[in-house]
Amino acid sequence: MNSGVPIYQQIADNFRSEILEGKFEQGEYLPSIRGLAKELRISVITTIKAYELLAQEGLVTAVQGKGYYVNAQDGEMLKEQHTRKVEAALTEAIRFARIAKMSDKELQEMLTTLLSFEEE
């Protein structure tokens, strides 16, 4: 796991990505809190914090005695979430390009090249 990032945040980030990518269907339950804690060898409290974070974001809903299930995902909201991730990744790429002293043209050419490989 990523050092410096709290474990509960790493777990929430992982589930968030999987939910937004459609790996969990609407109404599907996340792994049980105790089961996940045991599997990852972490405390139940850490797992609860991760799931509560997802609930605060509206991705999952808690059901007393049953666990957390995945909420329906609004198509526009999904697009917005993915757009924010793309913006963050491109902002980071620009920062690294500046450190590497790349010109804007070189960076654009690199993106164009990478896009052409993606289409194959």
PDB file of N, CA and C in Angstrom:
ATOM      1  N   MET A   1       0.838  -1.190   0.000  1.00  0.00           N
ATOM      2  CA  MET A   1       0.000   0.000   0.000  1.00  0.00           C
ATOM      3  C   MET A   1       0.883   1.253   0.000  1.00  0.00           C
ATOM      4  N   ASN A   2       0.294   2.393  -0.391  1.00  0.00           N
ATOM      5  CA  ASN A   2       1.047   3.633  -0.516  1.00  0.00           C
ATOM      6  C   ASN A   2       1.371   4.222   0.845  1.00  0.00           C
ATOM      7  N   SER A   3       2.665   4.377   1.117  1.00  0.00           N
ATOM      8  CA  SER A   3       3.045   4.967   2.390  1.00  0.00           C
ATOM      9  C   SER A   3       2.709   6.453   2.370  1.00  0.00           C
ATOM     10  N   GLY A   4       2.381   6.988   3.523  1.00  0.00           N
ATOM     11  CA  GLY A   4       2.014   8.389   3.618  1.00  0.00           C
ATOM     12  C   GLY A   4       0.521   8.628   3.470  1.00  0.00           C
ATOM     13  N   VAL A   5      -0.184   7.703   2.846  1.00  0.00           N
ATOM     14  CA  VAL A   5      -1.631   7.822   2.700  1.00  0.00           C
ATOM     15  C   VAL A   5      -2.254   6.866   3.700  1.00  0.00           C
ATOM     16  N   PRO A   6      -3.173   7.355   4.548  1.00  0.00           N
ATOM     17  CA  PRO A   6      -3.780   6.462   5.538  1.00  0.00           C
ATOM     18  C   PRO A   6      -4.400   5.230   4.879  1.00  0.00           C
ATOM     19  N   ILE A   7      -4.335   4.118   5.565  1.00  0.00           N
ATOM     20  CA  ILE A   7      -4.838   2.856   5.021  1.00  0.00           C
ATOM     21  C   ILE A   7      -6.323   2.960   4.668  1.00  0.00           C
ATOM     22  N   TYR A   8      -7.122   3.596   5.545  1.00  0.00           N
ATOM     23  CA  TYR A   8      -8.551   3.699   5.243  1.00  0.00           C
ATOM     24  C   TYR A   8      -8.773   4.479   3.947  1.00  0.00           C
ATOM     25  N   GLN A   9      -7.931   5.494   3.700  1.00  0.00           N
ATOM     26  CA  GLN A   9      -8.048   6.290   2.475  1.00  0.00           C
ATOM     27  C   GLN A   9      -7.682   5.445   1.254  1.00  0.00           C
ATOM     28  N   GLN A  10      -6.652   4.623   1.375  1.00  0.00           N
ATOM     29  CA  GLN A  10      -6.246   3.740   0.281  1.00  0.00           C
ATOM     30  C   GLN A  10      -7.366   2.756  -0.061  1.00  0.00           C
ATOM     31  N   ILE A  11      -7.997   2.214   0.975  1.00  0.00           N
ATOM     32  CA  ILE A  11      -9.099   1.261   0.758  1.00  0.00           C
ATOM     33  C   ILE A  11     -10.269   1.972   0.077  1.00  0.00           C
ATOM     34  N   ALA A  12     -10.624   3.146   0.588  1.00  0.00           N
ATOM     35  CA  ALA A  12     -11.729   3.911  -0.006  1.00  0.00           C
ATOM     36  C   ALA A  12     -11.409   4.265  -1.453  1.00  0.00           C
ATOM     37  N   ASP A  13     -10.176   4.694  -1.726  1.00  0.00           N
ATOM     38  CA  ASP A  13      -9.784   5.051  -3.092  1.00  0.00           C
ATOM     39  C   ASP A  13      -9.929   3.851  -4.029  1.00  0.00           C
ATOM     40  N   ASN A  14      -9.519   2.687  -3.547  1.00  0.00           N
ATOM     41  CA  ASN A  14      -9.598   1.472  -4.358  1.00  0.00           C
ATOM     42  C   ASN A  14     -11.057   1.123  -4.674  1.00  0.00           C
ATOM     43  N   PHE A  15     -11.910   1.124  -3.650  1.00  0.00           N
ATOM     44  CA  PHE A  15     -13.329   0.825  -3.876  1.00  0.00           C
ATOM     45  C   PHE A  15     -13.976   1.887  -4.756  1.00  0.00           C
ATOM     46  N   ARG A  16     -13.623   3.171  -4.544  1.00  0.00           N
ATOM     47  CA  ARG A  16     -14.183   4.240  -5.353  1.00  0.00           C
ATOM     48  C   ARG A  16     -13.882   3.980  -6.831  1.00  0.00           C
ATOM     49  N   SER A  17     -12.635   3.670  -7.124  1.00  0.00           N
ATOM     50  CA  SER A  17     -12.249   3.389  -8.517  1.00  0.00           C
ATOM     51  C   SER A  17     -13.035   2.214  -9.073  1.00  0.00           C
ATOM     52  N   GLU A  18     -13.140   1.150  -8.293  1.00  0.00           N
ATOM     53  CA  GLU A  18     -13.850  -0.042  -8.772  1.00  0.00           C
ATOM     54  C   GLU A  18     -15.339   0.242  -8.986  1.00  0.00           C
ATOM     55  N   ILE A  19     -15.932   1.038  -8.107  1.00  0.00           N
ATOM     56  CA  ILE A  19     -17.348   1.388  -8.262  1.00  0.00           C
ATOM     57  C   ILE A  19     -17.534   2.234  -9.515  1.00  0.00           C
ATOM     58  N   LEU A  20     -16.683   3.241  -9.693  1.00  0.00           N
ATOM     59  CA  LEU A  20     -16.810   4.143 -10.831  1.00  0.00           C
ATOM     60  C   LEU A  20     -16.496   3.447 -12.152  1.00  0.00           C
ATOM     61  N   GLU A  21     -15.669   2.402 -12.099  1.00  0.00           N
ATOM     62  CA  GLU A  21     -15.353   1.640 -13.306  1.00  0.00           C
ATOM     63  C   GLU A  21     -16.412   0.573 -13.592  1.00  0.00           C
ATOM     64  N   GLY A  22     -17.393   0.446 -12.705  1.00  0.00           N
ATOM     65  CA  GLY A  22     -18.471  -0.506 -12.925  1.00  0.00           C
ATOM     66  C   GLY A  22     -18.161  -1.926 -12.480  1.00  0.00           C
ATOM     67  N   LYS A  23     -17.116  -2.109 -11.688  1.00  0.00           N
ATOM     68  CA  LYS A  23     -16.771  -3.452 -11.221  1.00  0.00           C
ATOM     69  C   LYS A  23     -17.735  -3.924 -10.132  1.00  0.00           C
ATOM     70  N   PHE A  24     -18.434  -2.968  -9.513  1.00  0.00           N
ATOM     71  CA  PHE A  24     -19.496  -3.291  -8.559  1.00  0.00           C
ATOM     72  C   PHE A  24     -20.794  -2.766  -9.158  1.00  0.00           C
ATOM     73  N   GLU A  25     -21.820  -3.594  -9.174  1.00  0.00           N
ATOM     74  CA  GLU A  25     -23.104  -3.210  -9.751  1.00  0.00           C
ATOM     75  C   GLU A  25     -23.966  -2.512  -8.704  1.00  0.00           C
ATOM     76  N   GLN A  26     -24.952  -1.759  -9.181  1.00  0.00           N
ATOM     77  CA  GLN A  26     -25.902  -1.115  -8.287  1.00  0.00           C
ATOM     78  C   GLN A  26     -26.546  -2.171  -7.401  1.00  0.00           C
ATOM     79  N   GLY A  27     -26.602  -1.916  -6.102  1.00  0.00           N
ATOM     80  CA  GLY A  27     -27.234  -2.832  -5.159  1.00  0.00           C
ATOM     81  C   GLY A  27     -26.318  -3.931  -4.653  1.00  0.00           C
ATOM     82  N   GLU A  28     -25.141  -4.078  -5.260  1.00  0.00           N
ATOM     83  CA  GLU A  28     -24.200  -5.110  -4.826  1.00  0.00           C
ATOM     84  C   GLU A  28     -23.566  -4.682  -3.495  1.00  0.00           C
ATOM     85  N   TYR A  29     -23.417  -5.645  -2.609  1.00  0.00           N
ATOM     86  CA  TYR A  29     -22.812  -5.352  -1.310  1.00  0.00           C
ATOM     87  C   TYR A  29     -21.301  -5.417  -1.390  1.00  0.00           C
ATOM     88  N   LEU A  30     -20.650  -4.486  -0.670  1.00  0.00           N
ATOM     89  CA  LEU A  30     -19.201  -4.540  -0.516  1.00  0.00           C
ATOM     90  C   LEU A  30     -18.873  -5.700   0.415  1.00  0.00           C
ATOM     91  N   PRO A  31     -17.631  -6.166   0.416  1.00  0.00           N
ATOM     92  CA  PRO A  31     -17.259  -7.232   1.352  1.00  0.00           C
ATOM     93  C   PRO A  31     -17.597  -6.817   2.784  1.00  0.00           C
ATOM     94  N   SER A  32     -17.887  -7.791   3.630  1.00  0.00           N
ATOM     95  CA  SER A  32     -18.231  -7.464   5.015  1.00  0.00           C
ATOM     96  C   SER A  32     -17.064  -6.749   5.684  1.00  0.00           C
ATOM     97  N   ILE A  33     -17.394  -5.913   6.635  1.00  0.00           N
ATOM     98  CA  ILE A  33     -16.372  -5.145   7.349  1.00  0.00           C
ATOM     99  C   ILE A  33     -15.377  -6.078   8.013  1.00  0.00           C
ATOM    100  N   ARG A  34     -15.881  -7.057   8.744  1.00  0.00           N
ATOM    101  CA  ARG A  34     -14.985  -7.993   9.436  1.00  0.00           C
ATOM    102  C   ARG A  34     -14.186  -8.838   8.445  1.00  0.00           C
ATOM    103  N   GLY A  35     -14.847  -9.274   7.381  1.00  0.00           N
ATOM    104  CA  GLY A  35     -14.174 -10.094   6.378  1.00  0.00           C
ATOM    105  C   GLY A  35     -13.035  -9.345   5.705  1.00  0.00           C
ATOM    106  N   LEU A  36     -13.294  -8.095   5.332  1.00  0.00           N
ATOM    107  CA  LEU A  36     -12.256  -7.296   4.688  1.00  0.00           C
ATOM    108  C   LEU A  36     -11.113  -7.007   5.656  1.00  0.00           C
ATOM    109  N   ALA A  37     -11.463  -6.692   6.899  1.00  0.00           N
ATOM    110  CA  ALA A  37     -10.431  -6.421   7.904  1.00  0.00           C
ATOM    111  C   ALA A  37      -9.531  -7.640   8.090  1.00  0.00           C
ATOM    112  N   LYS A  38     -10.145  -8.800   8.142  1.00  0.00           N
ATOM    113  CA  LYS A  38      -9.372 -10.033   8.310  1.00  0.00           C
ATOM    114  C   LYS A  38      -8.497 -10.294   7.085  1.00  0.00           C
ATOM    115  N   GLU A  39      -9.088 -10.135   5.896  1.00  0.00           N
ATOM    116  CA  GLU A  39      -8.365 -10.386   4.654  1.00  0.00           C
ATOM    117  C   GLU A  39      -7.156  -9.461   4.506  1.00  0.00           C
ATOM    118  N   LEU A  40      -7.334  -8.180   4.869  1.00  0.00           N
ATOM    119  CA  LEU A  40      -6.262  -7.200   4.719  1.00  0.00           C
ATOM    120  C   LEU A  40      -5.363  -7.101   5.957  1.00  0.00           C
ATOM    121  N   ARG A  41      -5.757  -7.833   6.996  1.00  0.00           N
ATOM    122  CA  ARG A  41      -5.019  -7.815   8.272  1.00  0.00           C
ATOM    123  C   ARG A  41      -4.919  -6.400   8.837  1.00  0.00           C
ATOM    124  N   ILE A  42      -6.089  -5.762   8.888  1.00  0.00           N
ATOM    125  CA  ILE A  42      -6.198  -4.423   9.453  1.00  0.00           C
ATOM    126  C   ILE A  42      -7.321  -4.432  10.485  1.00  0.00           C
ATOM    127  N   SER A  43      -7.459  -3.325  11.201  1.00  0.00           N
ATOM    128  CA  SER A  43      -8.506  -3.272  12.220  1.00  0.00           C
ATOM    129  C   SER A  43      -9.876  -3.041  11.584  1.00  0.00           C
ATOM    130  N   VAL A  44     -10.893  -3.485  12.286  1.00  0.00           N
ATOM    131  CA  VAL A  44     -12.276  -3.274  11.854  1.00  0.00           C
ATOM    132  C   VAL A  44     -12.555  -1.774  11.785  1.00  0.00           C
ATOM    133  N   ILE A  45     -12.000  -1.010  12.703  1.00  0.00           N
ATOM    134  CA  ILE A  45     -12.216   0.437  12.740  1.00  0.00           C
ATOM    135  C   ILE A  45     -11.698   1.093  11.458  1.00  0.00           C
ATOM    136  N   THR A  46     -10.556   0.637  10.967  1.00  0.00           N
ATOM    137  CA  THR A  46      -9.993   1.170   9.721  1.00  0.00           C
ATOM    138  C   THR A  46     -10.933   0.892   8.556  1.00  0.00           C
ATOM    139  N   THR A  47     -11.474  -0.312   8.507  1.00  0.00           N
ATOM    140  CA  THR A  47     -12.409  -0.688   7.445  1.00  0.00           C
ATOM    141  C   THR A  47     -13.669   0.163   7.528  1.00  0.00           C
ATOM    142  N   ILE A  48     -14.179   0.346   8.730  1.00  0.00           N
ATOM    143  CA  ILE A  48     -15.378   1.176   8.926  1.00  0.00           C
ATOM    144  C   ILE A  48     -15.123   2.594   8.426  1.00  0.00           C
ATOM    145  N   LYS A  49     -13.960   3.157   8.748  1.00  0.00           N
ATOM    146  CA  LYS A  49     -13.627   4.519   8.294  1.00  0.00           C
ATOM    147  C   LYS A  49     -13.644   4.603   6.767  1.00  0.00           C
ATOM    148  N   ALA A  50     -13.111   3.586   6.109  1.00  0.00           N
ATOM    149  CA  ALA A  50     -13.084   3.568   4.638  1.00  0.00           C
ATOM    150  C   ALA A  50     -14.503   3.540   4.093  1.00  0.00           C
ATOM    151  N   TYR A  51     -15.333   2.662   4.631  1.00  0.00           N
ATOM    152  CA  TYR A  51     -16.705   2.535   4.149  1.00  0.00           C
ATOM    153  C   TYR A  51     -17.514   3.792   4.450  1.00  0.00           C
ATOM    154  N   GLU A  52     -17.295   4.406   5.601  1.00  0.00           N
ATOM    155  CA  GLU A  52     -18.013   5.634   5.944  1.00  0.00           C
ATOM    156  C   GLU A  52     -17.637   6.771   5.002  1.00  0.00           C
ATOM    157  N   LEU A  53     -16.378   6.799   4.600  1.00  0.00           N
ATOM    158  CA  LEU A  53     -15.927   7.803   3.643  1.00  0.00           C
ATOM    159  C   LEU A  53     -16.678   7.649   2.314  1.00  0.00           C
ATOM    160  N   LEU A  54     -16.830   6.409   1.863  1.00  0.00           N
ATOM    161  CA  LEU A  54     -17.576   6.139   0.623  1.00  0.00           C
ATOM    162  C   LEU A  54     -19.049   6.513   0.778  1.00  0.00           C
ATOM    163  N   ALA A  55     -19.592   6.281   1.973  1.00  0.00           N
ATOM    164  CA  ALA A  55     -20.994   6.639   2.227  1.00  0.00           C
ATOM    165  C   ALA A  55     -21.169   8.155   2.202  1.00  0.00           C
ATOM    166  N   GLN A  56     -20.210   8.888   2.770  1.00  0.00           N
ATOM    167  CA  GLN A  56     -20.280  10.360   2.756  1.00  0.00           C
ATOM    168  C   GLN A  56     -20.259  10.894   1.330  1.00  0.00           C
ATOM    169  N   GLU A  57     -19.577  10.192   0.449  1.00  0.00           N
ATOM    170  CA  GLU A  57     -19.495  10.611  -0.951  1.00  0.00           C
ATOM    171  C   GLU A  57     -20.726  10.184  -1.751  1.00  0.00           C
ATOM    172  N   GLY A  58     -21.614   9.400  -1.123  1.00  0.00           N
ATOM    173  CA  GLY A  58     -22.837   8.965  -1.788  1.00  0.00           C
ATOM    174  C   GLY A  58     -22.657   7.752  -2.691  1.00  0.00           C
ATOM    175  N   LEU A  59     -21.502   7.103  -2.617  1.00  0.00           N
ATOM    176  CA  LEU A  59     -21.258   5.936  -3.459  1.00  0.00           C
ATOM    177  C   LEU A  59     -21.902   4.674  -2.908  1.00  0.00           C
ATOM    178  N   VAL A  60     -21.999   4.589  -1.580  1.00  0.00           N
ATOM    179  CA  VAL A  60     -22.586   3.412  -0.938  1.00  0.00           C
ATOM    180  C   VAL A  60     -23.549   3.859   0.151  1.00  0.00           C
ATOM    181  N   THR A  61     -24.400   2.926   0.569  1.00  0.00           N
ATOM    182  CA  THR A  61     -25.345   3.177   1.651  1.00  0.00           C
ATOM    183  C   THR A  61     -25.226   2.045   2.663  1.00  0.00           C
ATOM    184  N   ALA A  62     -25.252   2.401   3.933  1.00  0.00           N
ATOM    185  CA  ALA A  62     -25.170   1.402   4.998  1.00  0.00           C
ATOM    186  C   ALA A  62     -26.568   0.868   5.291  1.00  0.00           C
ATOM    187  N   VAL A  63     -26.656  -0.450   5.478  1.00  0.00           N
ATOM    188  CA  VAL A  63     -27.913  -1.085   5.887  1.00  0.00           C
ATOM    189  C   VAL A  63     -27.621  -1.832   7.178  1.00  0.00           C
ATOM    190  N   GLN A  64     -28.319  -1.430   8.237  1.00  0.00           N
ATOM    191  CA  GLN A  64     -28.097  -2.032   9.548  1.00  0.00           C
ATOM    192  C   GLN A  64     -28.168  -3.548   9.477  1.00  0.00           C
ATOM    193  N   GLY A  65     -27.136  -4.211   9.948  1.00  0.00           N
ATOM    194  CA  GLY A  65     -27.119  -5.665  10.005  1.00  0.00           C
ATOM    195  C   GLY A  65     -26.763  -6.359   8.698  1.00  0.00           C
ATOM    196  N   LYS A  66     -26.637  -5.600   7.607  1.00  0.00           N
ATOM    197  CA  LYS A  66     -26.335  -6.212   6.309  1.00  0.00           C
ATOM    198  C   LYS A  66     -25.015  -5.736   5.715  1.00  0.00           C
ATOM    199  N   GLY A  67     -24.646  -4.490   5.982  1.00  0.00           N
ATOM    200  CA  GLY A  67     -23.408  -3.960   5.433  1.00  0.00           C
ATOM    201  C   GLY A  67     -23.653  -2.766   4.535  1.00  0.00           C
ATOM    202  N   TYR A  68     -22.757  -2.580   3.587  1.00  0.00           N
ATOM    203  CA  TYR A  68     -22.816  -1.430   2.685  1.00  0.00           C
ATOM    204  C   TYR A  68     -23.064  -1.907   1.262  1.00  0.00           C
ATOM    205  N   TYR A  69     -24.051  -1.285   0.599  1.00  0.00           N
ATOM    206  CA  TYR A  69     -24.306  -1.647  -0.788  1.00  0.00           C
ATOM    207  C   TYR A  69     -24.039  -0.444  -1.693  1.00  0.00           C
ATOM    208  N   VAL A  70     -23.772  -0.735  -2.952  1.00  0.00           N
ATOM    209  CA  VAL A  70     -23.420   0.282  -3.936  1.00  0.00           C
ATOM    210  C   VAL A  70     -24.678   0.980  -4.438  1.00  0.00           C
ATOM    211  N   ASN A  71     -24.642   2.307  -4.426  1.00  0.00           N
ATOM    212  CA  ASN A  71     -25.755   3.112  -4.934  1.00  0.00           C
ATOM    213  C   ASN A  71     -25.707   3.177  -6.459  1.00  0.00           C
ATOM    214  N   ALA A  72     -26.848   3.497  -7.057  1.00  0.00           N
ATOM    215  CA  ALA A  72     -26.887   3.725  -8.506  1.00  0.00           C
ATOM    216  C   ALA A  72     -25.981   4.910  -8.805  1.00  0.00           C
ATOM    217  N   GLN A  73     -25.252   4.810  -9.888  1.00  0.00           N
ATOM    218  CA  GLN A  73     -24.339   5.882 -10.252  1.00  0.00           C
ATOM    219  C   GLN A  73     -24.914   6.679 -11.413  1.00  0.00           C
ATOM    220  N   ASP A  74     -25.067   7.965 -11.209  1.00  0.00           N
ATOM    221  CA  ASP A  74     -25.565   8.886 -12.223  1.00  0.00           C
ATOM    222  C   ASP A  74     -24.513   9.012 -13.327  1.00  0.00           C
ATOM    223  N   GLY A  75     -24.928   8.862 -14.572  1.00  0.00           N
ATOM    224  CA  GLY A  75     -24.007   8.921 -15.704  1.00  0.00           C
ATOM    225  C   GLY A  75     -23.213  10.212 -15.771  1.00  0.00           C
ATOM    226  N   GLU A  76     -23.880  11.344 -15.545  1.00  0.00           N
ATOM    227  CA  GLU A  76     -23.184  12.634 -15.570  1.00  0.00           C
ATOM    228  C   GLU A  76     -22.184  12.732 -14.421  1.00  0.00           C
ATOM    229  N   MET A  77     -22.579  12.208 -13.264  1.00  0.00           N
ATOM    230  CA  MET A  77     -21.687  12.244 -12.102  1.00  0.00           C
ATOM    231  C   MET A  77     -20.456  11.381 -12.361  1.00  0.00           C
ATOM    232  N   LEU A  78     -20.665  10.218 -12.982  1.00  0.00           N
ATOM    233  CA  LEU A  78     -19.533   9.354 -13.323  1.00  0.00           C
ATOM    234  C   LEU A  78     -18.581  10.077 -14.266  1.00  0.00           C
ATOM    235  N   LYS A  79     -19.143  10.733 -15.274  1.00  0.00           N
ATOM    236  CA  LYS A  79     -18.301  11.462 -16.223  1.00  0.00           C
ATOM    237  C   LYS A  79     -17.520  12.553 -15.494  1.00  0.00           C
ATOM    238  N   GLU A  80     -18.174  13.263 -14.616  1.00  0.00           N
ATOM    239  CA  GLU A  80     -17.511  14.335 -13.860  1.00  0.00           C
ATOM    240  C   GLU A  80     -16.384  13.786 -12.993  1.00  0.00           C
ATOM    241  N   GLN A  81     -16.638  12.660 -12.339  1.00  0.00           N
ATOM    242  CA  GLN A  81     -15.604  12.037 -11.500  1.00  0.00           C
ATOM    243  C   GLN A  81     -14.390  11.670 -12.345  1.00  0.00           C
ATOM    244  N   HIS A  82     -14.630  11.077 -13.502  1.00  0.00           N
ATOM    245  CA  HIS A  82     -13.529  10.678 -14.386  1.00  0.00           C
ATOM    246  C   HIS A  82     -12.819  11.902 -14.955  1.00  0.00           C
ATOM    247  N   THR A  83     -13.573  12.946 -15.275  1.00  0.00           N
ATOM    248  CA  THR A  83     -12.969  14.180 -15.785  1.00  0.00           C
ATOM    249  C   THR A  83     -12.028  14.777 -14.750  1.00  0.00           C
ATOM    250  N   ARG A  84     -12.435  14.768 -13.487  1.00  0.00           N
ATOM    251  CA  ARG A  84     -11.571  15.284 -12.418  1.00  0.00           C
ATOM    252  C   ARG A  84     -10.286  14.471 -12.314  1.00  0.00           C
ATOM    253  N   LYS A  85     -10.391  13.152 -12.474  1.00  0.00           N
ATOM    254  CA  LYS A  85      -9.195  12.309 -12.425  1.00  0.00           C
ATOM    255  C   LYS A  85      -8.263  12.616 -13.590  1.00  0.00           C
ATOM    256  N   VAL A  86      -8.824  12.822 -14.782  1.00  0.00           N
ATOM    257  CA  VAL A  86      -8.008  13.149 -15.953  1.00  0.00           C
ATOM    258  C   VAL A  86      -7.306  14.489 -15.732  1.00  0.00           C
ATOM    259  N   GLU A  87      -8.055  15.475 -15.232  1.00  0.00           N
ATOM    260  CA  GLU A  87      -7.453  16.786 -14.964  1.00  0.00           C
ATOM    261  C   GLU A  87      -6.303  16.673 -13.971  1.00  0.00           C
ATOM    262  N   ALA A  88      -6.500  15.896 -12.922  1.00  0.00           N
ATOM    263  CA  ALA A  88      -5.445  15.734 -11.910  1.00  0.00           C
ATOM    264  C   ALA A  88      -4.220  15.060 -12.514  1.00  0.00           C
ATOM    265  N   ALA A  89      -4.442  14.030 -13.322  1.00  0.00           N
ATOM    266  CA  ALA A  89      -3.320  13.313 -13.930  1.00  0.00           C
ATOM    267  C   ALA A  89      -2.576  14.204 -14.921  1.00  0.00           C
ATOM    268  N   LEU A  90      -3.322  14.977 -15.710  1.00  0.00           N
ATOM    269  CA  LEU A  90      -2.672  15.868 -16.668  1.00  0.00           C
ATOM    270  C   LEU A  90      -1.935  17.005 -15.969  1.00  0.00           C
ATOM    271  N   THR A  91      -2.491  17.510 -14.884  1.00  0.00           N
ATOM    272  CA  THR A  91      -1.812  18.544 -14.110  1.00  0.00           C
ATOM    273  C   THR A  91      -0.492  18.015 -13.561  1.00  0.00           C
ATOM    274  N   GLU A  92      -0.517  16.785 -13.078  1.00  0.00           N
ATOM    275  CA  GLU A  92       0.711  16.166 -12.581  1.00  0.00           C
ATOM    276  C   GLU A  92       1.701  15.951 -13.728  1.00  0.00           C
ATOM    277  N   ALA A  93       1.202  15.545 -14.889  1.00  0.00           N
ATOM    278  CA  ALA A  93       2.076  15.351 -16.056  1.00  0.00           C
ATOM    279  C   ALA A  93       2.728  16.672 -16.456  1.00  0.00           C
ATOM    280  N   ILE A  94       1.963  17.764 -16.431  1.00  0.00           N
ATOM    281  CA  ILE A  94       2.511  19.088 -16.760  1.00  0.00           C
ATOM    282  C   ILE A  94       3.610  19.456 -15.762  1.00  0.00           C
ATOM    283  N   ARG A  95       3.365  19.190 -14.490  1.00  0.00           N
ATOM    284  CA  ARG A  95       4.357  19.498 -13.459  1.00  0.00           C
ATOM    285  C   ARG A  95       5.657  18.743 -13.727  1.00  0.00           C
ATOM    286  N   PHE A  96       5.553  17.446 -14.047  1.00  0.00           N
ATOM    287  CA  PHE A  96       6.751  16.653 -14.339  1.00  0.00           C
ATOM    288  C   PHE A  96       7.426  17.124 -15.625  1.00  0.00           C
ATOM    289  N   ALA A  97       6.626  17.535 -16.607  1.00  0.00           N
ATOM    290  CA  ALA A  97       7.195  18.040 -17.859  1.00  0.00           C
ATOM    291  C   ALA A  97       8.002  19.315 -17.607  1.00  0.00           C
ATOM    292  N   ARG A  98       7.503  20.155 -16.722  1.00  0.00           N
ATOM    293  CA  ARG A  98       8.230  21.390 -16.372  1.00  0.00           C
ATOM    294  C   ARG A  98       9.554  21.044 -15.691  1.00  0.00           C
ATOM    295  N   ILE A  99       9.518  20.086 -14.793  1.00  0.00           N
ATOM    296  CA  ILE A  99      10.737  19.655 -14.103  1.00  0.00           C
ATOM    297  C   ILE A  99      11.750  19.120 -15.118  1.00  0.00           C
ATOM    298  N   ALA A 100      11.241  18.385 -16.128  1.00  0.00           N
ATOM    299  CA  ALA A 100      12.103  17.801 -17.158  1.00  0.00           C
ATOM    300  C   ALA A 100      12.476  18.828 -18.237  1.00  0.00           C
ATOM    301  N   LYS A 101      11.993  20.068 -18.085  1.00  0.00           N
ATOM    302  CA  LYS A 101      12.282  21.135 -19.046  1.00  0.00           C
ATOM    303  C   LYS A 101      11.760  20.823 -20.452  1.00  0.00           C
ATOM    304  N   MET A 102      10.631  20.106 -20.522  1.00  0.00           N
ATOM    305  CA  MET A 102       9.998  19.822 -21.812  1.00  0.00           C
ATOM    306  C   MET A 102       9.217  21.052 -22.260  1.00  0.00           C
ATOM    307  N   SER A 103       9.204  21.284 -23.566  1.00  0.00           N
ATOM    308  CA  SER A 103       8.388  22.371 -24.101  1.00  0.00           C
ATOM    309  C   SER A 103       6.933  21.900 -24.168  1.00  0.00           C
ATOM    310  N   ASP A 104       6.026  22.865 -24.327  1.00  0.00           N
ATOM    311  CA  ASP A 104       4.613  22.513 -24.479  1.00  0.00           C
ATOM    312  C   ASP A 104       4.426  21.635 -25.707  1.00  0.00           C
ATOM    313  N   LYS A 105       5.157  21.971 -26.777  1.00  0.00           N
ATOM    314  CA  LYS A 105       5.047  21.196 -28.011  1.00  0.00           C
ATOM    315  C   LYS A 105       5.489  19.750 -27.783  1.00  0.00           C
ATOM    316  N   GLU A 106       6.584  19.543 -27.066  1.00  0.00           N
ATOM    317  CA  GLU A 106       7.059  18.178 -26.782  1.00  0.00           C
ATOM    318  C   GLU A 106       6.026  17.405 -25.968  1.00  0.00           C
ATOM    319  N   LEU A 107       5.441  18.081 -24.998  1.00  0.00           N
ATOM    320  CA  LEU A 107       4.425  17.434 -24.163  1.00  0.00           C
ATOM    321  C   LEU A 107       3.203  17.067 -25.006  1.00  0.00           C
ATOM    322  N   GLN A 108       2.761  17.971 -25.856  1.00  0.00           N
ATOM    323  CA  GLN A 108       1.613  17.698 -26.722  1.00  0.00           C
ATOM    324  C   GLN A 108       1.910  16.552 -27.681  1.00  0.00           C
ATOM    325  N   GLU A 109       3.125  16.524 -28.220  1.00  0.00           N
ATOM    326  CA  GLU A 109       3.512  15.441 -29.124  1.00  0.00           C
ATOM    327  C   GLU A 109       3.520  14.099 -28.396  1.00  0.00           C
ATOM    328  N   MET A 110       3.984  14.116 -27.145  1.00  0.00           N
ATOM    329  CA  MET A 110       3.996  12.890 -26.357  1.00  0.00           C
ATOM    330  C   MET A 110       2.574  12.387 -26.135  1.00  0.00           C
ATOM    331  N   LEU A 111       1.663  13.302 -25.790  1.00  0.00           N
ATOM    332  CA  LEU A 111       0.266  12.916 -25.577  1.00  0.00           C
ATOM    333  C   LEU A 111      -0.340  12.369 -26.869  1.00  0.00           C
ATOM    334  N   THR A 112      -0.067  13.031 -27.988  1.00  0.00           N
ATOM    335  CA  THR A 112      -0.571  12.568 -29.282  1.00  0.00           C
ATOM    336  C   THR A 112      -0.049  11.171 -29.595  1.00  0.00           C
ATOM    337  N   THR A 113       1.228  10.941 -29.345  1.00  0.00           N
ATOM    338  CA  THR A 113       1.828   9.619 -29.583  1.00  0.00           C
ATOM    339  C   THR A 113       1.175   8.562 -28.713  1.00  0.00           C
ATOM    340  N   LEU A 114       1.019   8.875 -27.433  1.00  0.00           N
ATOM    341  CA  LEU A 114       0.402   7.910 -26.513  1.00  0.00           C
ATOM    342  C   LEU A 114      -1.040   7.622 -26.910  1.00  0.00           C
ATOM    343  N   LEU A 115      -1.775   8.642 -27.337  1.00  0.00           N
ATOM    344  CA  LEU A 115      -3.151   8.434 -27.787  1.00  0.00           C
ATOM    345  C   LEU A 115      -3.210   7.537 -29.012  1.00  0.00           C
ATOM    346  N   SER A 116      -2.248   7.694 -29.916  1.00  0.00           N
ATOM    347  CA  SER A 116      -2.253   6.869 -31.129  1.00  0.00           C
ATOM    348  C   SER A 116      -1.997   5.397 -30.794  1.00  0.00           C
ATOM    349  N   PHE A 117      -1.166   5.138 -29.779  1.00  0.00           N
ATOM    350  CA  PHE A 117      -0.929   3.759 -29.365  1.00  0.00           C
ATOM    351  C   PHE A 117      -2.158   3.174 -28.681  1.00  0.00           C
ATOM    352  N   GLU A 118      -2.902   4.012 -27.979  1.00  0.00           N
ATOM    353  CA  GLU A 118      -4.101   3.562 -27.271  1.00  0.00           C
ATOM    354  C   GLU A 118      -5.169   3.093 -28.238  1.00  0.00           C
ATOM    355  N   GLU A 119      -5.227   3.711 -29.416  1.00  0.00           N
ATOM    356  CA  GLU A 119      -6.265   3.398 -30.403  1.00  0.00           C
ATOM    357  C   GLU A 119      -6.030   2.063 -31.085  1.00  0.00           C
ATOM    358  N   GLU A 120      -4.813   1.544 -31.050  1.00  0.00           N
ATOM    359  CA  GLU A 120      -4.486   0.302 -31.752  1.00  0.00           C
ATOM    360  C   GLU A 120      -5.116  -0.897 -31.106  1.00  0.00           C
TER     361      GLU A 120
END
